[in-house]
Full PDB file with SEQRES, HELIX, SHEET, SSBOND, CRYST1, ORIGX, SCALE, CONECT and MASTER records, all heavy atoms in Angstrom:
SEQRES   1 A   31  LEU LEU SER GLY LEU ARG ASP GLY ALA GLY PRO GLU TYR          
SEQRES   2 A   31  ALA LEU ARG PHE ALA GLU SER PRO MET ASP TRP LEU GLU          
SEQRES   3 A   31  PRO LEU LEU ALA GLY                                          
HELIX    1 AA1 LEU A    2  GLY A    8  1                                   7    
HELIX    2 AA2 PRO A   11  GLU A   19  1                                   9    
HELIX    3 AA3 PRO A   21  LEU A   29  1                                   9    
CRYST1    1.000    1.000    1.000  90.00  90.00  90.00 P 1           1          
ORIGX1      1.000000  0.000000  0.000000        0.00000                         
ORIGX2      0.000000  1.000000  0.000000        0.00000                         
ORIGX3      0.000000  0.000000  1.000000        0.00000                         
SCALE1      1.000000  0.000000  0.000000        0.00000                         
SCALE2      0.000000  1.000000  0.000000        0.00000                         
SCALE3      0.000000  0.000000  1.000000        0.00000                         
ATOM      1  N   LEU A   1     -92.839  93.068 136.382  1.00  0.00           N  
ATOM      2  CA  LEU A   1     -93.533  92.762 137.629  1.00  0.00           C  
ATOM      3  C   LEU A   1     -93.353  93.893 138.641  1.00  0.00           C  
ATOM      4  O   LEU A   1     -94.323  94.372 139.237  1.00  0.00           O  
ATOM      5  CB  LEU A   1     -93.017  91.450 138.205  1.00  0.00           C  
ATOM      6  CG  LEU A   1     -93.675  90.959 139.472  1.00  0.00           C  
ATOM      7  CD1 LEU A   1     -95.146  90.668 139.247  1.00  0.00           C  
ATOM      8  CD2 LEU A   1     -92.972  89.726 139.980  1.00  0.00           C  
ATOM      9  N   LEU A   2     -92.124  94.348 138.825  1.00  0.00           N  
ATOM     10  CA  LEU A   2     -91.874  95.407 139.802  1.00  0.00           C  
ATOM     11  C   LEU A   2     -92.464  96.743 139.366  1.00  0.00           C  
ATOM     12  O   LEU A   2     -92.989  97.483 140.193  1.00  0.00           O  
ATOM     13  CB  LEU A   2     -90.378  95.548 140.073  1.00  0.00           C  
ATOM     14  CG  LEU A   2     -89.729  94.355 140.775  1.00  0.00           C  
ATOM     15  CD1 LEU A   2     -88.259  94.643 141.041  1.00  0.00           C  
ATOM     16  CD2 LEU A   2     -90.457  93.992 142.048  1.00  0.00           C  
ATOM     17  N   SER A   3     -92.405  97.056 138.081  1.00  0.00           N  
ATOM     18  CA  SER A   3     -92.996  98.328 137.635  1.00  0.00           C  
ATOM     19  C   SER A   3     -94.516  98.279 137.780  1.00  0.00           C  
ATOM     20  O   SER A   3     -95.141  99.282 138.129  1.00  0.00           O  
ATOM     21  CB  SER A   3     -92.585  98.680 136.208  1.00  0.00           C  
ATOM     22  OG  SER A   3     -93.072  97.729 135.295  1.00  0.00           O  
ATOM     23  N   GLY A   4     -95.135  97.115 137.556  1.00  0.00           N  
ATOM     24  CA  GLY A   4     -96.577  96.982 137.762  1.00  0.00           C  
ATOM     25  C   GLY A   4     -96.956  97.128 139.222  1.00  0.00           C  
ATOM     26  O   GLY A   4     -97.940  97.805 139.558  1.00  0.00           O  
ATOM     27  N   LEU A   5     -96.182  96.507 140.111  1.00  0.00           N  
ATOM     28  CA  LEU A   5     -96.432  96.669 141.546  1.00  0.00           C  
ATOM     29  C   LEU A   5     -96.225  98.111 141.979  1.00  0.00           C  
ATOM     30  O   LEU A   5     -97.006  98.662 142.756  1.00  0.00           O  
ATOM     31  CB  LEU A   5     -95.507  95.758 142.354  1.00  0.00           C  
ATOM     32  CG  LEU A   5     -95.946  94.330 142.554  1.00  0.00           C  
ATOM     33  CD1 LEU A   5     -94.834  93.517 143.213  1.00  0.00           C  
ATOM     34  CD2 LEU A   5     -97.211  94.261 143.389  1.00  0.00           C  
ATOM     35  N   ARG A   6     -95.162  98.712 141.478  1.00  0.00           N  
ATOM     36  CA  ARG A   6     -94.874 100.107 141.820  1.00  0.00           C  
ATOM     37  C   ARG A   6     -96.035 101.017 141.433  1.00  0.00           C  
ATOM     38  O   ARG A   6     -96.488 101.837 142.224  1.00  0.00           O  
ATOM     39  CB  ARG A   6     -93.599 100.565 141.104  1.00  0.00           C  
ATOM     40  CG  ARG A   6     -93.233 102.027 141.358  1.00  0.00           C  
ATOM     41  CD  ARG A   6     -92.263 102.549 140.316  1.00  0.00           C  
ATOM     42  NE  ARG A   6     -92.902 102.526 139.004  1.00  0.00           N  
ATOM     43  CZ  ARG A   6     -92.265 102.266 137.868  1.00  0.00           C  
ATOM     44  NH1 ARG A   6     -90.987 102.005 137.864  1.00  0.00           N  
ATOM     45  NH2 ARG A   6     -92.911 102.276 136.729  1.00  0.00           N  
ATOM     46  N   ASP A   7     -96.527 100.846 140.211  1.00  0.00           N  
ATOM     47  CA  ASP A   7     -97.596 101.708 139.717  1.00  0.00           C  
ATOM     48  C   ASP A   7     -98.950 101.379 140.338  1.00  0.00           C  
ATOM     49  O   ASP A   7     -99.779 102.260 140.523  1.00  0.00           O  
ATOM     50  CB  ASP A   7     -97.703 101.608 138.189  1.00  0.00           C  
ATOM     51  CG  ASP A   7     -96.453 102.121 137.487  1.00  0.00           C  
ATOM     52  OD1 ASP A   7     -95.634 102.806 138.131  1.00  0.00           O  
ATOM     53  OD2 ASP A   7     -96.287 101.810 136.291  1.00  0.00           O  
ATOM     54  N   GLY A   8     -99.172 100.100 140.659  1.00  0.00           N  
ATOM     55  CA  GLY A   8    -100.469  99.689 141.179  1.00  0.00           C  
ATOM     56  C   GLY A   8    -100.598  99.789 142.687  1.00  0.00           C  
ATOM     57  O   GLY A   8    -101.574 100.336 143.203  1.00  0.00           O  
ATOM     58  N   ALA A   9     -99.617  99.250 143.399  1.00  0.00           N  
ATOM     59  CA  ALA A   9     -99.707  99.195 144.860  1.00  0.00           C  
ATOM     60  C   ALA A   9     -98.794 100.206 145.543  1.00  0.00           C  
ATOM     61  O   ALA A   9     -99.061 100.611 146.666  1.00  0.00           O  
ATOM     62  CB  ALA A   9     -99.365  97.790 145.344  1.00  0.00           C  
ATOM     63  N   GLY A  10     -97.722 100.586 144.878  1.00  0.00           N  
ATOM     64  CA  GLY A  10     -96.783 101.542 145.455  1.00  0.00           C  
ATOM     65  C   GLY A  10     -95.383 100.972 145.512  1.00  0.00           C  
ATOM     66  O   GLY A  10     -95.195  99.751 145.543  1.00  0.00           O  
ATOM     67  N   PRO A  11     -94.384 101.843 145.517  1.00  0.00           N  
ATOM     68  CA  PRO A  11     -92.990 101.382 145.487  1.00  0.00           C  
ATOM     69  C   PRO A  11     -92.591 100.548 146.698  1.00  0.00           C  
ATOM     70  O   PRO A  11     -91.752  99.660 146.582  1.00  0.00           O  
ATOM     71  CB  PRO A  11     -92.175 102.672 145.401  1.00  0.00           C  
ATOM     72  CG  PRO A  11     -93.095 103.770 145.758  1.00  0.00           C  
ATOM     73  CD  PRO A  11     -94.480 103.300 145.493  1.00  0.00           C  
ATOM     74  N   GLU A  12     -93.197 100.799 147.859  1.00  0.00           N  
ATOM     75  CA  GLU A  12     -92.833 100.024 149.046  1.00  0.00           C  
ATOM     76  C   GLU A  12     -93.207  98.551 148.882  1.00  0.00           C  
ATOM     77  O   GLU A  12     -92.502  97.665 149.345  1.00  0.00           O  
ATOM     78  CB  GLU A  12     -93.451 100.607 150.320  1.00  0.00           C  
ATOM     79  CG  GLU A  12     -94.954 100.584 150.372  1.00  0.00           C  
ATOM     80  CD  GLU A  12     -95.654 101.746 149.662  1.00  0.00           C  
ATOM     81  OE1 GLU A  12     -94.996 102.601 149.032  1.00  0.00           O  
ATOM     82  OE2 GLU A  12     -96.890 101.790 149.731  1.00  0.00           O  
ATOM     83  N   TYR A  13     -94.311  98.277 148.177  1.00  0.00           N  
ATOM     84  CA  TYR A  13     -94.713  96.887 147.933  1.00  0.00           C  
ATOM     85  C   TYR A  13     -93.800  96.228 146.904  1.00  0.00           C  
ATOM     86  O   TYR A  13     -93.458  95.057 147.032  1.00  0.00           O  
ATOM     87  CB  TYR A  13     -96.167  96.819 147.473  1.00  0.00           C  
ATOM     88  CG  TYR A  13     -97.123  97.147 148.588  1.00  0.00           C  
ATOM     89  CD1 TYR A  13     -97.646  98.427 148.713  1.00  0.00           C  
ATOM     90  CD2 TYR A  13     -97.471  96.189 149.526  1.00  0.00           C  
ATOM     91  CE1 TYR A  13     -98.513  98.743 149.750  1.00  0.00           C  
ATOM     92  CE2 TYR A  13     -98.338  96.499 150.571  1.00  0.00           C  
ATOM     93  CZ  TYR A  13     -98.849  97.770 150.671  1.00  0.00           C  
ATOM     94  OH  TYR A  13     -99.692  98.084 151.703  1.00  0.00           O  
ATOM     95  N   ALA A  14     -93.409  96.979 145.894  1.00  0.00           N  
ATOM     96  CA  ALA A  14     -92.496  96.440 144.885  1.00  0.00           C  
ATOM     97  C   ALA A  14     -91.149  96.096 145.527  1.00  0.00           C  
ATOM     98  O   ALA A  14     -90.588  95.018 145.267  1.00  0.00           O  
ATOM     99  CB  ALA A  14     -92.314  97.433 143.748  1.00  0.00           C  
ATOM    100  N   LEU A  15     -90.643  96.967 146.372  1.00  0.00           N  
ATOM    101  CA  LEU A  15     -89.373  96.705 147.049  1.00  0.00           C  
ATOM    102  C   LEU A  15     -89.489  95.509 147.983  1.00  0.00           C  
ATOM    103  O   LEU A  15     -88.600  94.654 148.017  1.00  0.00           O  
ATOM    104  CB  LEU A  15     -88.922  97.939 147.834  1.00  0.00           C  
ATOM    105  CG  LEU A  15     -88.324  99.057 147.002  1.00  0.00           C  
ATOM    106  CD1 LEU A  15     -88.155 100.323 147.834  1.00  0.00           C  
ATOM    107  CD2 LEU A  15     -86.995  98.641 146.407  1.00  0.00           C  
ATOM    108  N   ARG A  16     -90.573  95.423 148.724  1.00  0.00           N  
ATOM    109  CA  ARG A  16     -90.755  94.300 149.647  1.00  0.00           C  
ATOM    110  C   ARG A  16     -90.827  92.980 148.883  1.00  0.00           C  
ATOM    111  O   ARG A  16     -90.273  91.980 149.311  1.00  0.00           O  
ATOM    112  CB  ARG A  16     -92.009  94.507 150.494  1.00  0.00           C  
ATOM    113  CG  ARG A  16     -92.076  93.535 151.660  1.00  0.00           C  
ATOM    114  CD  ARG A  16     -93.085  93.937 152.672  1.00  0.00           C  
ATOM    115  NE  ARG A  16     -94.416  93.677 152.128  1.00  0.00           N  
ATOM    116  CZ  ARG A  16     -95.520  94.182 152.626  1.00  0.00           C  
ATOM    117  NH1 ARG A  16     -95.484  95.005 153.645  1.00  0.00           N  
ATOM    118  NH2 ARG A  16     -96.689  93.878 152.092  1.00  0.00           N  
ATOM    119  N   PHE A  17     -91.512  92.990 147.749  1.00  0.00           N  
ATOM    120  CA  PHE A  17     -91.612  91.794 146.903  1.00  0.00           C  
ATOM    121  C   PHE A  17     -90.224  91.337 146.463  1.00  0.00           C  
ATOM    122  O   PHE A  17     -89.890  90.163 146.542  1.00  0.00           O  
ATOM    123  CB  PHE A  17     -92.485  92.112 145.685  1.00  0.00           C  
ATOM    124  CG  PHE A  17     -92.673  90.960 144.748  1.00  0.00           C  
ATOM    125  CD1 PHE A  17     -93.759  90.117 144.874  1.00  0.00           C  
ATOM    126  CD2 PHE A  17     -91.760  90.726 143.734  1.00  0.00           C  
ATOM    127  CE1 PHE A  17     -93.934  89.047 144.009  1.00  0.00           C  
ATOM    128  CE2 PHE A  17     -91.927  89.652 142.862  1.00  0.00           C  
ATOM    129  CZ  PHE A  17     -93.016  88.819 143.011  1.00  0.00           C  
ATOM    130  N   ALA A  18     -89.397  92.277 145.999  1.00  0.00           N  
ATOM    131  CA  ALA A  18     -88.076  91.946 145.454  1.00  0.00           C  
ATOM    132  C   ALA A  18     -87.065  91.587 146.545  1.00  0.00           C  
ATOM    133  O   ALA A  18     -86.208  90.733 146.324  1.00  0.00           O  
ATOM    134  CB  ALA A  18     -87.551  93.108 144.626  1.00  0.00           C  
ATOM    135  N   GLU A  19     -87.169  92.212 147.701  1.00  0.00           N  
ATOM    136  CA  GLU A  19     -86.207  91.966 148.775  1.00  0.00           C  
ATOM    137  C   GLU A  19     -86.478  90.673 149.532  1.00  0.00           C  
ATOM    138  O   GLU A  19     -85.571  90.111 150.134  1.00  0.00           O  
ATOM    139  CB  GLU A  19     -86.202  93.141 149.752  1.00  0.00           C  
ATOM    140  CG  GLU A  19     -85.624  94.405 149.153  1.00  0.00           C  
ATOM    141  CD  GLU A  19     -85.803  95.633 150.028  1.00  0.00           C  
ATOM    142  OE1 GLU A  19     -86.670  95.610 150.942  1.00  0.00           O  
ATOM    143  OE2 GLU A  19     -85.085  96.616 149.795  1.00  0.00           O  
ATOM    144  N   SER A  20     -87.721  90.211 149.515  1.00  0.00           N  
ATOM    145  CA  SER A  20     -88.098  89.015 150.281  1.00  0.00           C  
ATOM    146  C   SER A  20     -88.940  88.067 149.433  1.00  0.00           C  
ATOM    147  O   SER A  20     -90.122  87.860 149.710  1.00  0.00           O  
ATOM    148  CB  SER A  20     -88.875  89.426 151.533  1.00  0.00           C  
ATOM    149  OG  SER A  20     -88.131  90.304 152.328  1.00  0.00           O  
ATOM    150  N   PRO A  21     -88.342  87.467 148.413  1.00  0.00           N  
ATOM    151  CA  PRO A  21     -89.143  86.612 147.532  1.00  0.00           C  
ATOM    152  C   PRO A  21     -89.760  85.407 148.239  1.00  0.00           C  
ATOM    153  O   PRO A  21     -90.820  84.932 147.838  1.00  0.00           O  
ATOM    154  CB  PRO A  21     -88.178  86.186 146.435  1.00  0.00           C  
ATOM    155  CG  PRO A  21     -86.829  86.523 146.922  1.00  0.00           C  
ATOM    156  CD  PRO A  21     -86.959  87.572 147.967  1.00  0.00           C  
ATOM    157  N   MET A  22     -89.158  84.915 149.304  1.00  0.00           N  
ATOM    158  CA  MET A  22     -89.738  83.763 150.002  1.00  0.00           C  
ATOM    159  C   MET A  22     -91.056  84.128 150.686  1.00  0.00           C  
ATOM    160  O   MET A  22     -91.899  83.256 150.890  1.00  0.00           O  
ATOM    161  CB  MET A  22     -88.750  83.189 151.019  1.00  0.00           C  
ATOM    162  CG  MET A  22     -87.606  82.438 150.369  1.00  0.00           C  
ATOM    163  SD  MET A  22     -88.087  81.148 149.180  1.00  0.00           S  
ATOM    164  CE  MET A  22     -88.896  79.978 150.242  1.00  0.00           C  
ATOM    165  N   ASP A  23     -91.259  85.398 151.024  1.00  0.00           N  
ATOM    166  CA  ASP A  23     -92.512  85.805 151.670  1.00  0.00           C  
ATOM    167  C   ASP A  23     -93.721  85.578 150.773  1.00  0.00           C  
ATOM    168  O   ASP A  23     -94.812  85.322 151.260  1.00  0.00           O  
ATOM    169  CB  ASP A  23     -92.462  87.279 152.088  1.00  0.00           C  
ATOM    170  CG  ASP A  23     -91.531  87.524 153.257  1.00  0.00           C  
ATOM    171  OD1 ASP A  23     -91.085  86.539 153.885  1.00  0.00           O  
ATOM    172  OD2 ASP A  23     -91.255  88.698 153.550  1.00  0.00           O  
ATOM    173  N   TRP A  24     -93.556  85.696 149.468  1.00  0.00           N  
ATOM    174  CA  TRP A  24     -94.681  85.443 148.548  1.00  0.00           C  
ATOM    175  C   TRP A  24     -94.592  84.072 147.908  1.00  0.00           C  
ATOM    176  O   TRP A  24     -95.585  83.491 147.507  1.00  0.00           O  
ATOM    177  CB  TRP A  24     -94.789  86.534 147.481  1.00  0.00           C  
ATOM    178  CG  TRP A  24     -93.562  86.702 146.644  1.00  0.00           C  
ATOM    179  CD1 TRP A  24     -92.532  87.575 146.860  1.00  0.00           C  
ATOM    180  CD2 TRP A  24     -93.214  85.954 145.479  1.00  0.00           C  
ATOM    181  NE1 TRP A  24     -91.565  87.410 145.899  1.00  0.00           N  
ATOM    182  CE2 TRP A  24     -91.960  86.432 145.031  1.00  0.00           C  
ATOM    183  CE3 TRP A  24     -93.831  84.940 144.752  1.00  0.00           C  
ATOM    184  CZ2 TRP A  24     -91.321  85.929 143.911  1.00  0.00           C  
ATOM    185  CZ3 TRP A  24     -93.189  84.432 143.627  1.00  0.00           C  
ATOM    186  CH2 TRP A  24     -91.951  84.932 143.229  1.00  0.00           C  
ATOM    187  N   LEU A  25     -93.379  83.522 147.825  1.00  0.00           N  
ATOM    188  CA  LEU A  25     -93.212  82.228 147.177  1.00  0.00           C  
ATOM    189  C   LEU A  25     -93.755  81.085 148.038  1.00  0.00           C  
ATOM    190  O   LEU A  25     -94.412  80.182 147.519  1.00  0.00           O  
ATOM    191  CB  LEU A  25     -91.738  82.005 146.847  1.00  0.00           C  
ATOM    192  CG  LEU A  25     -91.403  80.793 146.011  1.00  0.00           C  
ATOM    193  CD1 LEU A  25     -92.108  80.858 144.655  1.00  0.00           C  
ATOM    194  CD2 LEU A  25     -89.902  80.687 145.809  1.00  0.00           C  
ATOM    195  N   GLU A  26     -93.503  81.118 149.341  1.00  0.00           N  
ATOM    196  CA  GLU A  26     -93.970  80.043 150.219  1.00  0.00           C  
ATOM    197  C   GLU A  26     -95.490  79.867 150.168  1.00  0.00           C  
ATOM    198  O   GLU A  26     -95.968  78.750 149.986  1.00  0.00           O  
ATOM    199  CB  GLU A  26     -93.473  80.269 151.640  1.00  0.00           C  
ATOM    200  CG  GLU A  26     -92.005  79.929 151.797  1.00  0.00           C  
ATOM    201  CD  GLU A  26     -91.467  80.226 153.181  1.00  0.00           C  
ATOM    202  OE1 GLU A  26     -92.159  80.895 153.981  1.00  0.00           O  
ATOM    203  OE2 GLU A  26     -90.343  79.776 153.467  1.00  0.00           O  
ATOM    204  N   PRO A  27     -96.293  80.943 150.315  1.00  0.00           N  
ATOM    205  CA  PRO A  27     -97.750  80.746 150.219  1.00  0.00           C  
ATOM    206  C   PRO A  27     -98.194  80.276 148.830  1.00  0.00           C  
ATOM    207  O   PRO A  27     -99.170  79.533 148.704  1.00  0.00           O  
ATOM    208  CB  PRO A  27     -98.342  82.120 150.530  1.00  0.00           C  
ATOM    209  CG  PRO A  27     -97.264  82.892 151.180  1.00  0.00           C  
ATOM    210  CD  PRO A  27     -95.968  82.306 150.723  1.00  0.00           C  
ATOM    211  N   LEU A  28     -97.490  80.697 147.810  1.00  0.00           N  
ATOM    212  CA  LEU A  28     -97.828  80.282 146.450  1.00  0.00           C  
ATOM    213  C   LEU A  28     -97.668  78.775 146.269  1.00  0.00           C  
ATOM    214  O   LEU A  28     -98.481  78.120 145.624  1.00  0.00           O  
ATOM    215  CB  LEU A  28     -96.946  81.027 145.437  1.00  0.00           C  
ATOM    216  CG  LEU A  28     -97.143  80.698 143.968  1.00  0.00           C  
ATOM    217  CD1 LEU A  28     -98.500  81.228 143.498  1.00  0.00           C  
ATOM    218  CD2 LEU A  28     -96.033  81.312 143.136  1.00  0.00           C  
ATOM    219  N   LEU A  29     -96.637  78.226 146.879  1.00  0.00           N  
ATOM    220  CA  LEU A  29     -96.356  76.798 146.735  1.00  0.00           C  
ATOM    221  C   LEU A  29     -97.011  75.948 147.818  1.00  0.00           C  
ATOM    222  O   LEU A  29     -96.996  74.724 147.748  1.00  0.00           O  
ATOM    223  CB  LEU A  29     -94.842  76.567 146.741  1.00  0.00           C  
ATOM    224  CG  LEU A  29     -94.078  77.209 145.592  1.00  0.00           C  
ATOM    225  CD1 LEU A  29     -92.579  77.025 145.780  1.00  0.00           C  
ATOM    226  CD2 LEU A  29     -94.529  76.658 144.258  1.00  0.00           C  
ATOM    227  N   ALA A  30     -97.593  76.573 148.839  1.00  0.00           N  
ATOM    228  CA  ALA A  30     -98.203  75.838 149.960  1.00  0.00           C  
ATOM    229  C   ALA A  30     -99.604  75.354 149.600  1.00  0.00           C  
ATOM    230  O   ALA A  30    -100.159  75.692 148.564  1.00  0.00           O  
ATOM    231  CB  ALA A  30     -98.257  76.748 151.185  1.00  0.00           C  
ATOM    232  N   GLY A  31    -100.150  74.591 150.502  1.00  0.00           N  
ATOM    233  CA  GLY A  31    -101.509  74.112 150.308  1.00  0.00           C  
ATOM    234  C   GLY A  31    -101.512  72.722 149.728  1.00  0.00           C  
ATOM    235  O   GLY A  31    -101.380  71.743 150.435  1.00  0.00           O  
TER     236      GLY A  31                                                      
MASTER        0    0    0    3    0    0    0    6  235    1    0    3          
END                                                                             
């Protein structure tokens, strides 16, 4: 997952994803 984000969106997005999992998990589970 992180290598795909790194290669596709950039390393800053991969790091942000890994450092703050609740930032992407909450919207995924919301609704």
